[in-house]
Protein backbone atom coordinates (compact mmCIF):
# COMPACT_ATOMS: atom_id res chain seq x y z
CA MET A 1 -3.52 -4.61 15.62
CA LYS A 2 -3.04 -1.49 13.75
CA LEU A 3 0.86 -0.70 13.19
CA ALA A 4 1.38 2.59 12.51
CA ASN A 5 4.95 4.65 11.22
CA LEU A 6 4.63 7.94 13.48
CA ASP A 7 8.05 10.37 12.15
CA GLY A 8 10.29 7.56 12.19
CA ARG A 9 9.01 5.69 15.12
CA ALA A 10 6.63 3.06 15.33
CA VAL A 11 3.39 3.76 16.84
CA LEU A 12 0.31 1.26 17.67
CA ILE A 13 -2.88 2.77 16.74
CA THR A 14 -6.03 3.16 19.15
CA THR A 15 -9.23 4.77 19.78
CA ASP A 16 -9.91 7.49 22.10
CA ASP A 17 -13.94 8.31 22.09
CA THR A 18 -13.87 12.25 22.59
CA GLY A 19 -17.38 13.67 22.40
CA ASN A 20 -19.18 12.30 19.50
CA THR A 21 -16.30 11.46 17.80
CA THR A 22 -13.64 8.58 17.57
CA GLU A 23 -10.07 9.86 16.92
CA PRO A 24 -7.09 7.21 16.06
CA ARG A 25 -4.54 8.19 18.92
CA ALA A 26 -0.91 6.79 18.87
CA VAL A 27 0.83 4.57 21.46
CA ASP A 28 4.61 4.43 21.34
CA VAL A 29 6.11 0.91 21.07
CA HIS A 30 9.39 1.38 22.15
CA LYS A 31 8.49 3.16 25.36
CA ALA A 32 5.20 0.49 25.77
CA SER A 33 7.29 -2.44 25.13
CA ASP A 34 10.22 -0.97 28.00
CA GLY A 35 12.70 -0.79 24.84
CA ARG A 36 12.16 -4.81 23.58
CA PHE A 37 10.80 -3.08 20.72
CA GLY A 38 10.89 -0.50 18.36
CA PRO A 39 11.45 2.29 18.21
CA ASP A 40 12.59 2.11 14.44
CA PRO A 41 9.37 0.50 12.31
CA ALA A 42 11.11 -1.52 10.24
CA SER A 43 13.04 -2.91 12.68
CA LEU A 44 10.03 -4.91 13.74
CA PHE A 45 9.30 -7.22 10.81
CA ALA A 46 12.96 -8.90 11.65
CA ASP A 47 11.26 -10.47 14.86
CA TRP A 48 7.51 -9.71 13.46
CA PRO A 49 5.93 -13.29 15.24
CA ALA A 50 7.56 -12.17 18.79
CA PHE A 51 6.19 -8.20 17.66
CA SER A 52 2.71 -9.49 17.18
CA ASP A 53 2.61 -11.49 20.22
CA TRP A 54 3.20 -8.78 22.12
CA ALA A 55 1.54 -6.19 20.32
CA LEU A 56 -1.95 -8.44 20.79
CA SER A 57 -1.50 -8.99 24.26
CA ALA A 58 -0.09 -5.58 25.36
CA ARG A 59 -2.22 -3.02 26.88
CA THR A 60 -2.61 0.12 24.90
CA ASP A 61 -5.73 1.63 25.70
CA THR A 62 -4.63 3.92 28.25
CA PRO A 63 -5.38 7.86 27.94
CA GLU A 64 -1.54 8.50 28.85
CA ASP A 65 -0.09 5.95 26.56
CA ALA A 66 -2.27 7.32 23.69
CA VAL A 67 -1.54 10.66 22.22
CA GLY A 68 -3.21 13.06 19.05
CA PHE A 69 -1.37 13.16 15.87
CA ASP A 70 -1.64 14.09 12.39
CA THR A 71 -1.67 11.36 9.12
CA THR A 72 0.36 13.98 7.52
CA GLU A 73 3.35 12.94 10.05
CA LEU A 74 2.85 9.33 9.04
CA GLY A 75 5.37 7.44 7.11
CA ALA A 76 5.37 4.38 5.10
CA PRO A 77 3.87 1.52 7.61
CA SER A 78 6.81 -0.88 6.12
CA PRO A 79 9.69 1.98 5.01
CA GLU A 80 12.82 -0.25 4.21
CA PRO A 81 11.34 -3.37 2.41
CA ARG A 82 13.94 -5.08 0.44
CA GLN A 83 11.93 -6.04 -2.54
CA ILE A 84 8.55 -4.11 -3.68
CA PHE A 85 6.58 -6.91 -6.03
CA ALA A 86 3.70 -5.52 -8.36
CA ILE A 87 0.62 -7.35 -9.96
CA GLY A 88 -0.96 -7.05 -13.16
CA LEU A 89 -4.23 -7.57 -14.82
CA ASN A 90 -5.16 -9.12 -11.36
CA TYR A 91 -8.93 -8.12 -11.71
CA THR A 92 -10.81 -9.72 -14.89
CA ALA A 93 -12.52 -6.19 -15.60
CA HIS A 94 -9.24 -3.86 -15.62
CA ALA A 95 -7.66 -6.84 -17.84
CA ALA A 96 -10.52 -5.89 -20.33
CA GLU A 97 -10.12 -2.17 -20.22
CA SER A 98 -6.28 -2.55 -20.62
CA GLY A 99 -6.35 -4.67 -23.59
CA PHE A 100 -5.24 -8.10 -22.35
CA GLU A 101 -7.20 -11.16 -21.61
CA PRO A 102 -7.36 -12.37 -17.88
CA PRO A 103 -4.30 -14.20 -16.80
CA THR A 104 -4.93 -17.72 -16.54
CA GLY A 105 -1.59 -18.52 -14.42
CA LEU A 106 0.51 -16.07 -12.42
CA PRO A 107 -0.58 -12.47 -13.27
CA PRO A 108 2.32 -10.19 -14.62
CA VAL A 109 4.79 -9.09 -11.98
CA PHE A 110 7.11 -6.33 -11.55
CA PRO A 111 9.62 -4.14 -9.50
CA LYS A 112 8.35 -0.88 -8.04
CA PHE A 113 11.33 0.78 -6.71
CA VAL A 114 12.10 0.87 -2.99
CA SER A 115 13.08 5.27 -3.99
CA SER A 116 9.17 5.89 -4.74
CA LEU A 117 7.65 4.97 -1.45
CA THR A 118 6.09 7.33 0.90
CA GLY A 119 4.22 7.43 3.30
CA PRO A 120 -0.04 8.38 3.16
CA VAL A 121 -0.49 11.94 2.76
CA THR A 122 1.86 13.40 0.18
CA GLU A 123 2.34 16.21 -2.60
CA VAL A 124 3.65 14.19 -5.69
CA THR A 125 5.13 16.08 -8.23
CA LEU A 126 3.93 15.08 -12.21
CA PRO A 127 6.60 13.70 -14.95
CA GLU A 128 7.21 16.25 -17.16
CA GLY A 129 4.97 15.38 -20.65
CA GLY A 130 4.08 12.35 -18.98
CA ASN A 131 0.70 11.22 -18.43
CA THR A 132 -0.07 10.35 -14.91
CA ASP A 133 -2.48 7.68 -13.99
CA TRP A 134 -4.25 6.03 -11.18
CA GLU A 135 -4.36 2.58 -9.28
CA VAL A 136 -5.51 2.19 -5.89
CA GLU A 137 -4.45 -1.74 -4.73
CA VAL A 138 -4.62 -3.69 -1.31
CA VAL A 139 -0.64 -4.02 -0.40
CA ALA A 140 -0.10 -7.15 1.33
CA VAL A 141 3.36 -6.72 3.81
CA ILE A 142 5.29 -9.83 4.54
CA GLY A 143 6.00 -10.85 7.94
CA ARG A 144 8.76 -13.86 7.62
CA THR A 145 11.34 -14.97 5.41
CA THR A 146 8.76 -16.94 2.95
CA SER A 147 10.12 -19.73 0.10
CA ASN A 148 7.50 -22.55 -1.11
CA VAL A 149 4.85 -21.61 1.43
CA THR A 150 1.65 -23.51 0.33
CA GLU A 151 -1.62 -21.30 -0.44
CA GLU A 152 -3.38 -22.70 2.69
CA ASP A 153 -0.65 -21.18 5.28
CA ALA A 154 0.30 -18.14 3.31
CA TRP A 155 -1.46 -15.83 5.84
CA ASP A 156 1.06 -17.00 8.72
CA HIS A 157 3.57 -15.41 6.45
CA ILE A 158 1.73 -11.95 6.12
CA ALA A 159 2.16 -9.23 8.67
CA GLY A 160 -0.63 -7.15 7.53
CA LEU A 161 -2.34 -5.30 5.00
CA THR A 162 -2.44 -1.98 3.87
CA VAL A 163 -3.65 0.50 1.39
CA GLY A 164 -1.34 1.17 -1.80
CA GLN A 165 -1.33 3.64 -4.78
CA ASP A 166 0.30 2.14 -7.62
CA ILE A 167 0.69 5.85 -9.16
CA SER A 168 1.75 5.03 -13.25
CA GLU A 169 3.21 7.34 -15.70
CA ARG A 170 1.69 5.72 -18.89
CA ILE A 171 4.52 7.10 -21.44
CA THR A 172 7.31 5.88 -19.58
CA GLN A 173 5.59 2.70 -18.94
CA LEU A 174 4.56 1.44 -22.52
CA SER A 175 7.69 2.73 -24.58
CA GLY A 176 9.67 0.50 -26.45
CA PRO A 177 10.78 -1.61 -27.76
CA ALA A 178 9.29 -3.44 -24.49
CA PRO A 179 7.54 -2.17 -21.49
CA GLN A 180 9.43 -0.26 -19.02
CA PHE A 181 7.05 -1.11 -16.49
CA GLY A 182 9.33 -0.47 -13.15
CA LEU A 183 10.38 2.92 -14.66
CA GLY A 184 6.75 4.10 -15.69
CA LYS A 185 5.81 3.31 -11.85
CA SER A 186 8.69 4.30 -9.82
CA PHE A 187 8.69 8.05 -10.08
CA PRO A 188 9.15 9.61 -6.59
CA GLY A 189 6.67 9.83 -4.54
CA PHE A 190 4.20 6.94 -6.67
CA SER A 191 4.18 4.08 -4.41
CA PRO A 192 2.68 5.98 -1.30
CA THR A 193 1.50 3.16 1.03
CA GLY A 194 -0.19 3.68 4.75
CA PRO A 195 -2.29 5.11 6.85
CA TRP A 196 -1.16 1.90 8.92
CA LEU A 197 -0.50 -1.84 8.93
CA VAL A 198 -4.30 -4.06 9.87
CA THR A 199 -3.22 -7.58 10.35
CA ALA A 200 -5.57 -9.84 9.49
CA ASP A 201 -7.53 -10.46 12.61
CA GLU A 202 -8.95 -6.87 12.48
CA LEU A 203 -10.47 -7.34 9.43
CA PRO A 204 -14.14 -8.48 8.93
CA ASP A 205 -13.12 -10.58 5.81
CA PRO A 206 -9.41 -10.14 4.84
CA GLU A 207 -10.00 -11.73 1.26
CA ASP A 208 -13.23 -9.22 0.72
CA LEU A 209 -12.08 -5.56 1.05
CA GLU A 210 -13.78 -2.76 -0.89
CA LEU A 211 -11.04 -0.66 -2.83
CA ARG A 212 -12.31 2.97 -3.97
CA CYS A 213 -10.54 6.07 -5.57
CA ASP A 214 -11.90 9.39 -5.85
CA LEU A 215 -10.16 12.00 -8.00
CA ASP A 216 -11.22 15.77 -7.20
CA GLY A 217 -14.32 13.91 -4.84
CA GLU A 218 -15.74 11.94 -8.50
CA ASN A 219 -15.37 8.10 -7.33
CA VAL A 220 -13.18 6.98 -10.55
CA GLN A 221 -12.57 3.09 -9.20
CA LEU A 222 -14.65 1.04 -7.17
CA GLY A 223 -13.68 -2.53 -6.52
CA ARG A 224 -13.78 -5.74 -4.07
CA THR A 225 -10.84 -7.84 -3.26
CA ASN A 226 -13.07 -11.12 -3.45
CA ASN A 227 -12.68 -10.42 -7.49
CA LEU A 228 -9.15 -10.50 -7.77
CA ILE A 229 -8.27 -13.71 -10.11
CA VAL A 230 -5.28 -14.57 -7.87
CA PRO A 231 -6.04 -13.64 -4.57
CA ILE A 232 -3.74 -12.88 -2.03
CA PRO A 233 -2.60 -15.78 -0.53
CA ARG A 234 -2.28 -17.62 -4.01
CA LEU A 235 -0.03 -14.70 -4.63
CA VAL A 236 2.11 -15.23 -1.86
CA ALA A 237 2.48 -18.93 -2.23
CA GLU A 238 3.00 -18.47 -6.53
CA LEU A 239 5.61 -15.94 -5.53
CA SER A 240 7.46 -17.76 -2.91
CA LYS A 241 8.31 -20.63 -5.34
CA ILE A 242 10.85 -18.42 -7.42
CA VAL A 243 11.48 -15.72 -4.93
CA THR A 244 12.44 -15.00 -1.72
CA LEU A 245 10.32 -13.19 0.19
CA TYR A 246 11.47 -11.04 3.17
CA PRO A 247 10.22 -9.85 6.20
CA GLY A 248 8.58 -5.93 5.27
CA ASP A 249 8.49 -6.67 2.01
CA LEU A 250 5.69 -5.07 0.10
CA ILE A 251 3.13 -6.57 -2.69
CA PHE A 252 0.49 -4.12 -4.58
CA THR A 253 -1.72 -6.75 -5.40
CA GLY A 254 -3.27 -5.99 -8.31
CA THR A 255 -6.32 -2.64 -8.99
CA PRO A 256 -9.52 -3.02 -10.02
CA GLU A 257 -11.28 -1.45 -13.34
CA GLY A 258 -11.17 2.55 -13.91
CA VAL A 259 -8.16 3.44 -14.54
CA GLY A 260 -7.33 6.68 -16.61
CA LEU A 261 -5.29 4.61 -19.41
CA GLY A 262 -8.78 2.41 -19.76
CA ARG A 263 -11.04 5.15 -20.48
CA ASP A 264 -12.49 6.59 -23.98
CA PRO A 265 -11.17 9.33 -24.33
CA GLN A 266 -8.24 8.21 -22.23
CA ARG A 267 -7.93 10.75 -18.99
CA PHE A 268 -4.71 11.45 -16.62
CA VAL A 269 -4.13 13.41 -13.26
CA GLU A 270 -3.59 17.47 -13.71
CA ALA A 271 -1.74 19.23 -11.50
CA GLY A 272 -3.94 20.61 -8.59
CA GLN A 273 -5.95 17.83 -8.10
CA THR A 274 -6.36 15.29 -4.96
CA LEU A 275 -6.57 11.67 -4.94
CA VAL A 276 -8.16 9.85 -2.31
CA SER A 277 -7.35 5.73 -2.56
CA ALA A 278 -8.87 3.78 0.34
CA VAL A 279 -9.58 0.37 1.44
CA GLU A 280 -12.24 -0.72 3.66
CA GLY A 281 -11.01 -1.37 7.66
CA ILE A 282 -7.50 -0.13 6.54
CA GLY A 283 -8.10 3.79 5.95
CA GLU A 284 -7.33 6.43 3.34
CA LEU A 285 -4.28 7.82 1.11
CA ARG A 286 -4.16 11.32 -0.17
CA GLN A 287 -2.11 13.01 -2.69
CA ARG A 288 -2.00 15.95 -3.88
CA PHE A 289 -0.26 16.78 -7.59
CA VAL A 290 1.92 19.61 -8.35
CA VAL A 291 4.25 20.51 -11.24
CA ALA A 292 8.01 20.96 -10.53
CA PRO A 293 8.61 24.69 -9.58
CA GLU A 294 10.07 26.54 -12.79
CA GLY A 295 13.38 25.92 -13.96
CA ARG A 296 13.88 22.50 -11.98
CA GLU A 297 13.50 19.41 -13.41
CA PRO A 298 11.39 16.83 -11.09
CA ARG A 299 13.62 14.71 -8.52
């Protein structure tokens, strides 16, 4: 199943073969379920087991039900998470480029605040005087209230996976006397996700996916999730020993090497550039970066 947020309405993504191309199309959940589910995408996570059972058995491939759309109309697949967790240093090479030893237990965990959450195709205002960096990640979306779950059962508590970009303003993030990870990674537009949520059964191997990030067409990150130090199900299990995870919560699971901070010389996003972040089997995000209009501070 692929679930998207199309202009504030929950839709299932299907494909329609037209000539030599296969374009994604959308089936409105509220209409297709005769009002049982939706239309609000956030409402689906509160009843995820029942919704996913319905969605897997629903007929959503009839031409009259499916409509075309533009990706600019898509919002965050889980638009109202109670919590957004981000995991640092969860790839060995990224830990090294950041100047740290690989973690031996649970990697660093920090928040990304909900006000930074957006959909997959956006325009992002660069913070004035900052060094804005890129971090492509797989994001796990929680599908049911989770506390003290085992690693073996963790996938049953994950609604699906989506693409995330943990955009990071490094000056704010690393300012002292102690780092401000949450604030440096939570400027407006700094948490794009999408283009849709994909359930694990749709992926050949949900624990071995290719991630890539391109800046103005130049590849800057390329990795695979089978290199995660702490894999996704173990992350969910370890987090759930300490905090309760709620339906719709997001876990940014970590980024591979290639970020601008770890380069020599260091490199950061400039106004006018476009960042494309993609995960195998899921899709891609596209962010264009701009400066704040003259005379107005970024919001």
